[in-house]
Protein backbone atom coordinates (compact mmCIF):
# COMPACT_ATOMS: atom_id res chain seq x y z
CA MET A 1 10.39 123.33 -172.44
CA THR A 2 12.47 126.02 -170.81
CA GLN A 3 10.53 127.51 -168.16
CA SER A 4 10.59 131.01 -166.32
CA THR A 5 10.07 131.14 -163.19
CA THR A 6 6.35 132.22 -163.54
CA GLY A 7 5.61 129.42 -165.37
CA LYS A 8 5.62 130.61 -168.76
CA ARG A 9 8.67 129.88 -171.75
CA LYS A 10 11.61 132.42 -171.17
CA LYS A 11 11.52 135.27 -173.66
CA ILE A 12 14.21 135.71 -176.44
CA LEU A 13 15.63 138.92 -178.39
CA THR A 14 17.54 138.20 -180.80
CA GLY A 15 17.98 139.93 -184.65
CA ASP A 16 19.77 141.86 -187.08
CA ARG A 17 19.94 144.95 -189.21
CA PRO A 18 18.60 144.95 -192.95
CA THR A 19 21.58 145.87 -194.74
CA GLY A 20 20.62 142.88 -197.45
CA LYS A 21 20.76 139.33 -197.83
CA LEU A 22 22.14 136.88 -195.44
CA HIS A 23 25.07 134.22 -196.18
CA LEU A 24 26.87 131.18 -194.59
CA GLY A 25 28.44 132.76 -192.62
CA HIS A 26 24.84 134.03 -190.60
CA TYR A 27 23.55 130.46 -190.69
CA VAL A 28 26.17 129.35 -189.05
CA GLY A 29 27.09 131.84 -186.72
CA THR A 30 23.22 132.59 -185.55
CA LEU A 31 20.79 131.32 -188.03
CA LYS A 32 21.17 127.38 -187.83
CA ASN A 33 20.69 128.31 -183.77
CA ARG A 34 17.66 130.25 -183.86
CA VAL A 35 15.78 127.54 -185.72
CA LYS A 36 16.44 125.49 -182.25
CA LEU A 37 15.60 128.29 -180.06
CA GLN A 38 12.07 128.80 -181.47
CA ASP A 39 11.29 125.06 -179.94
CA GLU A 40 12.31 126.12 -176.38
CA PHE A 41 11.80 129.94 -175.80
CA GLU A 42 9.52 132.32 -176.61
CA VAL A 43 11.54 134.43 -179.51
CA PHE A 44 11.19 137.91 -180.48
CA LEU A 45 13.07 138.55 -183.79
CA ILE A 46 14.13 142.11 -184.20
CA VAL A 47 14.60 143.37 -187.99
CA ALA A 48 17.01 146.55 -186.11
CA ASP A 49 16.81 149.23 -188.87
CA TYR A 50 17.18 152.22 -186.31
CA HIS A 51 20.71 150.40 -185.42
CA MET A 52 21.64 150.37 -189.29
CA LEU A 53 21.06 154.25 -188.84
CA THR A 54 23.55 154.87 -186.39
CA THR A 55 26.35 154.08 -188.66
CA SER A 56 24.75 154.66 -192.44
CA SER A 57 21.96 157.60 -192.17
CA GLY A 58 22.42 158.38 -195.59
CA LYS A 59 19.27 158.37 -198.00
CA GLU A 60 20.79 155.92 -200.18
CA TYR A 61 20.82 153.66 -197.49
CA ILE A 62 17.50 154.02 -196.43
CA GLU A 63 15.94 153.95 -199.69
CA LYS A 64 17.10 149.95 -199.48
CA VAL A 65 15.63 149.51 -196.24
CA ALA A 66 12.39 148.27 -197.80
CA GLN A 67 13.88 145.62 -199.89
CA ASN A 68 16.25 144.83 -197.59
CA CYS A 69 13.58 143.60 -195.14
CA ARG A 70 12.16 141.75 -197.31
CA GLU A 71 15.55 140.09 -198.17
CA LEU A 72 16.22 139.27 -194.66
CA VAL A 73 12.68 137.70 -193.91
CA LEU A 74 12.87 135.75 -196.58
CA ASP A 75 16.19 134.23 -195.69
CA TYR A 76 14.58 133.56 -192.04
CA LEU A 77 11.82 131.85 -193.35
CA SER A 78 14.03 129.60 -195.97
CA VAL A 79 15.97 128.36 -193.53
CA GLY A 80 13.45 127.26 -190.80
CA ILE A 81 12.45 130.07 -188.84
CA ASP A 82 8.41 129.65 -187.95
CA PRO A 83 6.65 133.13 -187.94
CA ASN A 84 3.88 130.72 -185.75
CA LYS A 85 6.72 130.13 -183.24
CA THR A 86 8.87 133.35 -183.79
CA THR A 87 7.58 136.94 -183.47
CA ILE A 88 9.33 139.06 -186.77
CA TYR A 89 8.71 142.29 -186.53
CA LEU A 90 10.34 145.75 -187.69
CA GLN A 91 11.77 147.94 -185.25
CA SER A 92 11.12 151.31 -186.18
CA LEU A 93 7.06 150.42 -186.58
CA VAL A 94 7.07 149.89 -182.79
CA PRO A 95 7.14 153.38 -181.46
CA GLU A 96 7.36 152.89 -177.53
CA VAL A 97 11.18 151.42 -178.47
CA ALA A 98 12.13 155.12 -178.76
CA GLU A 99 10.05 156.56 -175.68
CA ILE A 100 11.97 153.93 -173.77
CA TYR A 101 15.28 154.43 -175.29
CA LEU A 102 14.24 158.05 -174.41
CA LEU A 103 13.71 156.98 -170.86
CA PHE A 104 16.41 154.46 -170.44
CA SER A 105 19.04 157.44 -171.65
CA MET A 106 18.82 159.09 -168.46
CA LEU A 107 19.51 156.23 -166.04
CA VAL A 108 23.29 155.74 -167.73
CA THR A 109 25.93 158.03 -167.67
CA VAL A 110 27.89 159.14 -170.88
CA PRO A 111 31.41 158.14 -169.59
CA ARG A 112 29.81 154.50 -168.97
CA LEU A 113 29.02 154.05 -172.64
CA GLN A 114 32.26 155.57 -173.81
CA ARG A 115 33.83 152.78 -172.01
CA VAL A 116 32.14 150.15 -173.85
CA PRO A 117 34.59 148.34 -176.34
CA THR A 118 33.08 147.71 -179.14
CA LEU A 119 32.56 151.35 -179.43
CA LYS A 120 35.92 151.90 -180.76
CA GLU A 121 36.04 148.58 -182.67
CA VAL A 122 32.91 150.31 -184.94
CA MET A 123 34.43 153.45 -185.06
CA GLN A 124 37.96 151.74 -186.20
CA ALA A 125 36.28 149.45 -188.62
CA GLN A 126 33.97 151.87 -190.33
CA HIS A 127 36.83 154.99 -190.02
CA ILE A 128 34.37 157.55 -188.06
CA GLU A 129 36.47 160.14 -186.14
CA ASN A 130 33.71 162.04 -184.44
CA PRO A 131 30.24 159.31 -183.33
CA SER A 132 27.57 160.30 -183.49
CA ALA A 133 25.28 160.78 -180.09
CA GLY A 134 23.14 157.77 -181.67
CA LEU A 135 26.37 155.49 -182.01
CA LEU A 136 27.67 156.21 -178.59
CA THR A 137 23.79 155.40 -177.16
CA TYR A 138 23.42 152.30 -179.36
CA PRO A 139 23.58 149.86 -176.74
CA VAL A 140 20.60 152.00 -174.66
CA LEU A 141 19.06 151.52 -177.74
CA GLN A 142 19.84 148.02 -177.77
CA ALA A 143 18.69 148.20 -174.11
CA ALA A 144 15.20 149.43 -175.41
CA ASP A 145 14.76 146.56 -178.13
CA ILE A 146 15.77 143.97 -175.03
CA LEU A 147 13.39 145.58 -172.44
CA ILE A 148 10.33 146.34 -174.46
CA VAL A 149 9.03 143.18 -174.19
CA ARG A 150 11.25 142.04 -170.86
CA ALA A 151 13.11 139.52 -172.55
CA ASP A 152 14.96 136.86 -170.43
CA LEU A 153 17.98 135.67 -172.76
CA VAL A 154 19.79 137.78 -175.38
CA PRO A 155 22.04 135.37 -177.77
CA VAL A 156 25.33 137.39 -178.51
CA GLY A 157 28.60 136.76 -179.48
CA LYS A 158 31.59 137.20 -176.53
CA ASP A 159 32.23 140.73 -178.31
CA GLN A 160 28.44 141.87 -177.51
CA GLU A 161 28.55 140.70 -174.06
CA SER A 162 29.30 144.30 -172.89
CA HIS A 163 26.58 145.56 -174.57
CA ILE A 164 24.34 142.81 -172.50
CA GLU A 165 26.03 144.28 -169.40
CA VAL A 166 24.97 147.83 -170.26
CA CYS A 167 21.11 146.40 -170.45
CA ARG A 168 21.43 144.69 -167.10
CA GLU A 169 22.73 147.74 -165.39
CA ILE A 170 19.84 150.12 -167.08
CA ALA A 171 17.36 147.39 -165.70
CA ARG A 172 18.78 147.41 -162.22
CA ARG A 173 19.09 150.90 -161.99
CA PHE A 174 15.28 151.60 -162.99
CA ASN A 175 14.50 148.31 -160.72
CA GLN A 176 16.72 149.64 -157.46
CA GLN A 177 15.26 153.50 -158.39
CA TYR A 178 12.01 152.83 -158.66
CA ILE A 179 9.96 149.53 -158.47
CA GLU A 180 10.78 145.88 -160.18
CA VAL A 181 9.82 146.07 -163.54
CA PHE A 182 12.53 144.34 -165.72
CA PRO A 183 14.58 140.94 -165.80
CA GLU A 184 18.30 141.43 -165.93
CA PRO A 185 18.63 139.55 -169.06
CA ASP A 186 21.54 137.07 -169.46
CA ALA A 187 23.76 136.70 -172.80
CA LEU A 188 23.33 133.77 -174.06
CA ILE A 189 26.86 133.09 -175.50
CA GLY A 190 26.65 129.63 -177.32
CA ASP A 191 29.87 128.21 -179.14
CA VAL A 192 28.90 130.42 -181.75
CA ALA A 193 30.88 130.01 -184.88
CA THR A 194 32.51 132.27 -187.12
CA LEU A 195 33.12 131.30 -190.85
CA ILE A 196 36.01 132.19 -192.82
CA GLY A 197 35.33 134.07 -196.23
CA THR A 198 36.06 133.12 -199.17
CA ASP A 199 39.32 135.39 -199.61
CA GLY A 200 40.81 133.39 -196.58
CA LYS A 201 41.59 136.18 -194.88
CA ALA A 202 38.56 137.74 -192.11
CA LYS A 203 35.18 135.99 -191.56
CA MET A 204 32.73 135.69 -194.29
CA SER A 205 31.43 139.39 -194.88
CA LYS A 206 29.37 141.46 -197.27
CA SER A 207 31.47 144.45 -196.71
CA LEU A 208 34.66 142.08 -198.08
CA ASN A 209 33.03 141.06 -200.41
CA ASN A 210 33.83 137.06 -199.91
CA THR A 211 30.22 135.82 -199.19
CA VAL A 212 28.36 132.95 -200.78
CA PHE A 213 24.93 133.92 -199.78
CA LEU A 214 21.70 131.61 -199.34
CA SER A 215 20.02 132.54 -201.95
CA ASP A 216 22.75 132.46 -204.17
CA ASP A 217 21.63 130.03 -207.63
CA GLU A 218 24.32 127.27 -208.64
CA GLU A 219 26.04 128.94 -211.41
CA GLU A 220 27.01 131.48 -208.68
CA VAL A 221 27.96 128.77 -205.95
CA ARG A 222 30.01 127.29 -208.57
CA LYS A 223 32.25 130.59 -209.42
CA LYS A 224 32.68 131.90 -205.92
CA VAL A 225 34.11 127.97 -204.91
CA MET A 226 36.37 127.59 -207.71
CA GLY A 227 37.97 131.18 -206.98
CA MET A 228 38.16 130.28 -203.29
CA TYR A 229 41.64 130.91 -201.15
CA THR A 230 43.15 127.55 -200.47
CA ASP A 231 46.92 126.51 -199.62
CA PRO A 232 49.44 129.43 -201.20
CA LYS A 233 52.32 127.16 -200.11
CA ARG A 234 50.94 124.55 -203.15
CA LEU A 235 52.31 125.25 -206.35
CA ARG A 236 50.96 121.89 -207.87
CA ALA A 237 48.57 119.26 -207.94
CA THR A 238 51.03 116.69 -206.57
CA ASP A 239 52.70 119.24 -203.60
CA PRO A 240 51.41 117.65 -200.03
CA GLY A 241 48.71 120.35 -198.99
CA THR A 242 47.74 121.82 -195.33
CA VAL A 243 44.66 120.79 -194.85
CA GLU A 244 44.33 122.75 -191.16
CA GLY A 245 43.02 126.38 -191.63
CA ASN A 246 42.30 125.87 -195.66
CA PRO A 247 38.77 127.36 -196.20
CA VAL A 248 38.20 124.94 -198.73
CA PHE A 249 38.04 122.40 -196.54
CA ILE A 250 36.38 124.33 -193.16
CA TYR A 251 33.91 124.74 -195.70
CA HIS A 252 33.61 120.75 -196.30
CA ASP A 253 33.78 120.64 -192.84
CA ALA A 254 30.72 122.96 -191.95
CA PHE A 255 28.66 121.53 -195.22
CA ASN A 256 29.46 118.56 -196.75
CA PRO A 257 27.91 115.90 -194.56
CA ASN A 258 29.71 112.57 -196.31
CA THR A 259 32.78 113.01 -193.61
CA GLU A 260 34.23 109.54 -195.43
CA GLU A 261 34.65 111.43 -198.53
CA ILE A 262 36.20 114.61 -196.60
CA ASP A 263 38.42 112.08 -194.36
CA ASP A 264 39.89 110.72 -198.28
CA LEU A 265 39.96 113.88 -199.96
CA LYS A 266 42.47 115.44 -196.60
CA GLU A 267 44.71 112.59 -196.65
CA ARG A 268 45.01 112.59 -200.26
CA TYR A 269 45.24 116.68 -200.45
CA ARG A 270 48.02 115.96 -197.36
CA LYS A 271 49.67 113.75 -199.94
CA GLY A 272 49.82 115.65 -202.76
CA THR A 273 47.41 113.19 -204.51
CA VAL A 274 44.45 115.06 -205.01
CA GLY A 275 44.34 118.79 -206.82
CA ASP A 276 42.33 122.08 -205.71
CA VAL A 277 39.90 121.67 -208.21
CA LYS A 278 38.80 118.34 -207.56
CA VAL A 279 38.24 119.03 -204.06
CA LYS A 280 36.33 122.95 -205.10
CA LYS A 281 34.18 120.82 -207.29
CA LYS A 282 33.40 118.27 -204.37
CA LEU A 283 32.77 121.14 -201.95
CA ILE A 284 30.60 122.63 -204.93
CA VAL A 285 28.11 119.48 -204.33
CA ALA A 286 27.79 119.43 -201.25
CA ILE A 287 27.06 123.58 -201.06
CA ASN A 288 24.75 123.04 -203.64
CA ASN A 289 22.72 120.42 -201.41
CA PHE A 290 22.67 122.29 -198.55
CA LEU A 291 21.37 125.03 -199.95
CA ASP A 292 18.46 123.39 -202.42
CA PRO A 293 15.96 123.23 -200.35
CA ILE A 294 16.51 126.74 -198.68
CA ARG A 295 16.46 127.31 -202.20
CA ALA A 296 12.87 125.93 -202.68
CA LYS A 297 11.64 127.58 -199.44
CA ARG A 298 12.47 130.68 -200.88
CA ARG A 299 11.30 129.93 -204.00
CA GLU A 300 7.70 129.38 -202.06
CA TYR A 301 7.39 132.44 -199.69
CA GLU A 302 8.39 134.68 -203.03
CA SER A 303 5.44 133.31 -204.85
CA LYS A 304 3.06 134.27 -201.94
CA PRO A 305 2.04 138.01 -202.86
CA GLY A 306 2.17 140.17 -199.29
CA LEU A 307 3.06 137.29 -197.39
CA ILE A 308 6.52 139.53 -196.20
CA GLU A 309 4.46 142.36 -195.40
CA ASP A 310 1.96 140.00 -193.62
CA ILE A 311 4.35 138.53 -191.20
CA ILE A 312 6.06 142.08 -190.42
CA HIS A 313 3.10 143.69 -189.70
CA GLU A 314 1.57 141.11 -187.42
CA GLY A 315 5.06 141.03 -185.67
CA THR A 316 5.16 144.38 -185.09
CA GLU A 317 1.50 144.21 -183.86
CA ALA A 318 2.56 141.98 -181.06
CA VAL A 319 5.43 144.15 -180.07
CA THR A 320 3.81 146.94 -180.09
CA LYS A 321 1.03 145.66 -177.70
CA GLU A 322 3.54 144.25 -175.65
CA GLY A 323 5.76 147.91 -175.86
CA ARG A 324 2.41 149.87 -174.38
CA GLU A 325 2.50 147.34 -171.39
CA THR A 326 5.75 148.00 -170.63
CA ILE A 327 5.29 152.04 -170.68
CA GLY A 328 2.58 151.61 -168.83
CA LEU A 329 4.62 149.69 -166.29
CA MET A 330 7.29 152.14 -166.46
CA ARG A 331 5.07 155.10 -166.24
CA GLU A 332 3.31 153.69 -163.11
CA ALA A 333 6.68 153.11 -161.50
CA MET A 334 8.18 156.46 -161.44
CA GLY A 335 5.15 157.96 -161.36
CA MET A 336 4.53 159.38 -164.57
CA THR A 337 1.00 159.61 -164.45
CA TYR A 338 0.38 162.68 -164.25
CA PHE A 339 -2.75 164.39 -166.20
CA LYS A 340 -4.09 160.94 -166.77
CA LYS A 341 -7.34 160.27 -167.90
């Protein structure tokens, strides 16, 4: 077990916004690693519905949150995340998050937040001309999420490292201005893979409609794989084809455990002795074999009424307890104990 200086397991905070079901890209990029982390660390897994509001605050989006939360937690459970090892909770059910967010917002300047590089990227990607204060202070809310449980580590992609630096600065400023309450959490940047979409043009993304969901049935997988982008220069099955960068072979490498079969298909593809259809049919089998146990677990958890709600409520109760303790330490450090009974 990985130990902190106090002898306890180090804490990790990670999570997702409840925008819908998870897909193979999520599995490769984060879920597979989270399953491993829960055996080494004390993991808190946040369903970040407040964060969703920073870019999608319309009622039509909010009305989908409850169902999206259920889908998200079902995906977590189906890939092997264990609620007895990982604390799964809903951000908006923990009122201390908002209080810590407010206090932290006093410790960071607007120009500092405007320098966070991902702000411009999100604005460009979602065609936002005038960001809300909520979007601008997204890293401050993220800091509240991380430090409410006083996490030591935060698994992120390289593009999110700047957010963790804001969190570290806020923790440092609080500790220097008052007394030391918070760790300065480190970004845990692993070899996070980005899975190309079925269209071959970008990473797998729900908004681009180029996904294979963890909950897709066999027929949905078949349709999506048969429609996958391959080598655009290859006009006939007898033409030599390119393997490198070819989505079908990228997926074979990621989800087909039969390396001998993959090597054989690659060699024949380069020579023009195997067609796209056969390569795709082999991939359909591989992906469905990969998804079969995940589907089975999902059906098992879906058959238990109230299970998802119980997991969320138990996790939220645990984080609320952490939050009350953190707020108590903050108020004591800041001298905000006036009129306290």
